[in-house]
Amino acid sequence: MKIEGTGLEGLTVDLSRLDEIMEDAGLVRAGQWDYERVTYDRKIEAKGEIFYLRVQAYAVEGDIGGRHALVKLMTPLLGKHYYPHGVEYGEGENFPSAILNTSKGLLKQVSEELQKVQ
């Protein structure tokens, strides 16, 4: 599901600063990037179910593999993991309110930090 109204959509930010802010919020990039796109994930577990909060961005200047890149953030996603098939982001998924609230809280934290560097 798309999490709208977070204040992140469309923000342009320096990649190295974004890496720091995302890491502080527990969203990891790991190997999830190519030269044009980057993805940050946070695994959230509750009652035997696994959910992923995902924030994606794409390069508008420079490239992700380089030292200097500006990226534009996209609408964050919340997905539910189904073993062994993967993560589903469909609107028909059931997301417990605690998971949704946790996700929105993390995104608010990221948004507030990004507003400081804008």
Protein backbone atom coordinates (compact mmCIF):
# COMPACT_ATOMS: atom_id res chain seq x y z
CA MET A 1 0.00 0.00 0.00
CA LYS A 2 1.15 3.51 -0.70
CA ILE A 3 1.52 5.70 2.37
CA GLU A 4 0.45 9.12 1.13
CA GLY A 5 0.88 12.51 2.76
CA THR A 6 4.21 11.84 4.46
CA GLY A 7 5.90 14.93 3.09
CA LEU A 8 8.57 12.76 1.47
CA GLU A 9 7.11 12.45 -2.02
CA GLY A 10 9.01 14.61 -4.46
CA LEU A 11 11.70 15.82 -2.05
CA THR A 12 15.15 16.10 -3.61
CA VAL A 13 18.06 15.40 -1.26
CA ASP A 14 21.76 14.60 -1.30
CA LEU A 15 22.23 10.82 -1.26
CA SER A 16 24.90 10.76 1.45
CA ARG A 17 22.70 12.81 3.81
CA LEU A 18 19.71 10.59 2.97
CA ASP A 19 21.77 7.49 3.81
CA GLU A 20 22.50 8.92 7.28
CA ILE A 21 18.90 9.88 7.98
CA MET A 22 17.53 6.55 6.80
CA GLU A 23 20.07 4.61 8.84
CA ASP A 24 19.08 6.57 11.96
CA ALA A 25 15.47 5.51 11.36
CA GLY A 26 16.44 1.87 10.84
CA LEU A 27 15.84 1.86 7.10
CA VAL A 28 18.69 0.06 5.36
CA ARG A 29 19.93 0.37 1.80
CA ALA A 30 22.31 -2.59 1.79
CA GLY A 31 22.76 -3.75 -1.81
CA GLN A 32 19.43 -2.43 -3.01
CA TRP A 33 20.53 0.09 -5.59
CA ASP A 34 21.64 0.53 -9.13
CA TYR A 35 23.03 3.63 -10.82
CA GLU A 36 19.62 5.27 -11.18
CA ARG A 37 17.53 3.98 -8.25
CA VAL A 38 17.89 3.33 -4.55
CA THR A 39 15.65 1.51 -2.06
CA TYR A 40 15.59 1.62 1.74
CA ASP A 41 13.76 -1.07 3.73
CA ARG A 42 12.73 -1.57 7.33
CA LYS A 43 11.57 -5.03 8.41
CA ILE A 44 8.74 -4.99 10.97
CA GLU A 45 7.57 -8.20 12.64
CA ALA A 46 4.33 -8.66 14.57
CA LYS A 47 2.44 -11.76 15.65
CA GLY A 48 4.34 -14.07 13.34
CA GLU A 49 3.86 -11.86 10.29
CA ILE A 50 6.54 -9.87 8.49
CA PHE A 51 6.03 -6.45 6.92
CA TYR A 52 8.39 -4.17 5.04
CA LEU A 53 8.37 -0.40 4.97
CA ARG A 54 10.03 0.66 1.72
CA VAL A 55 11.21 4.09 0.59
CA GLN A 56 12.45 4.44 -2.97
CA ALA A 57 14.23 7.25 -4.78
CA TYR A 58 15.81 7.88 -8.16
CA ALA A 59 18.79 9.95 -9.22
CA VAL A 60 18.09 13.37 -10.73
CA GLU A 61 21.76 14.38 -10.73
CA GLY A 62 24.83 12.16 -10.62
CA ASP A 63 24.46 8.44 -10.03
CA ILE A 64 23.86 6.25 -7.01
CA GLY A 65 27.23 4.50 -7.33
CA GLY A 66 29.14 7.79 -7.30
CA ARG A 67 30.06 9.85 -4.30
CA HIS A 68 27.72 12.71 -5.17
CA ALA A 69 24.12 12.24 -6.24
CA LEU A 70 20.87 14.08 -5.76
CA VAL A 71 17.86 11.81 -5.50
CA LYS A 72 14.13 12.42 -5.63
CA LEU A 73 12.00 10.47 -3.15
CA MET A 74 8.92 8.53 -4.19
CA THR A 75 5.77 7.65 -2.24
CA PRO A 76 6.68 5.17 0.55
CA LEU A 77 5.23 1.66 0.42
CA LEU A 78 4.14 -0.83 3.06
CA GLY A 79 4.12 -4.47 2.09
CA LYS A 80 3.43 -7.85 3.64
CA HIS A 81 5.88 -10.71 3.17
CA TYR A 82 4.63 -14.10 2.04
CA TYR A 83 7.12 -16.94 2.19
CA PRO A 84 8.41 -18.04 -0.34
CA HIS A 85 6.75 -15.67 -2.82
CA GLY A 86 7.96 -12.28 -1.62
CA VAL A 87 6.41 -8.98 -0.62
CA GLU A 88 2.94 -7.87 -1.72
CA TYR A 89 2.05 -4.18 -1.70
CA GLY A 90 -1.53 -4.48 -2.97
CA GLU A 91 -4.34 -2.38 -1.61
CA GLY A 92 -6.19 -5.61 -0.72
CA GLU A 93 -3.62 -6.51 1.93
CA ASN A 94 -4.52 -6.31 5.60
CA PHE A 95 -2.14 -4.10 7.59
CA PRO A 96 -2.64 -4.04 11.36
CA SER A 97 -3.03 -0.53 12.77
CA ALA A 98 0.06 -0.98 14.97
CA ILE A 99 2.19 -1.71 11.87
CA LEU A 100 0.71 1.23 10.00
CA ASN A 101 1.24 3.56 12.99
CA THR A 102 4.84 2.40 13.41
CA SER A 103 5.49 2.97 9.72
CA LYS A 104 3.95 6.44 9.75
CA GLY A 105 5.96 7.33 12.85
CA LEU A 106 9.21 6.30 11.16
CA LEU A 107 8.32 8.24 8.03
CA LYS A 108 7.48 11.30 10.13
CA GLN A 109 10.90 11.05 11.78
CA VAL A 110 12.59 10.86 8.36
CA SER A 111 10.49 13.74 7.02
CA GLU A 112 11.34 15.98 9.97
CA GLU A 113 15.06 15.31 9.57
CA LEU A 114 14.90 15.95 5.83
CA GLN A 115 13.09 19.25 6.40
CA LYS A 116 16.09 20.41 8.45
CA VAL A 117 18.43 19.97 5.47
CA GLN A 118 16.16 21.46 2.81
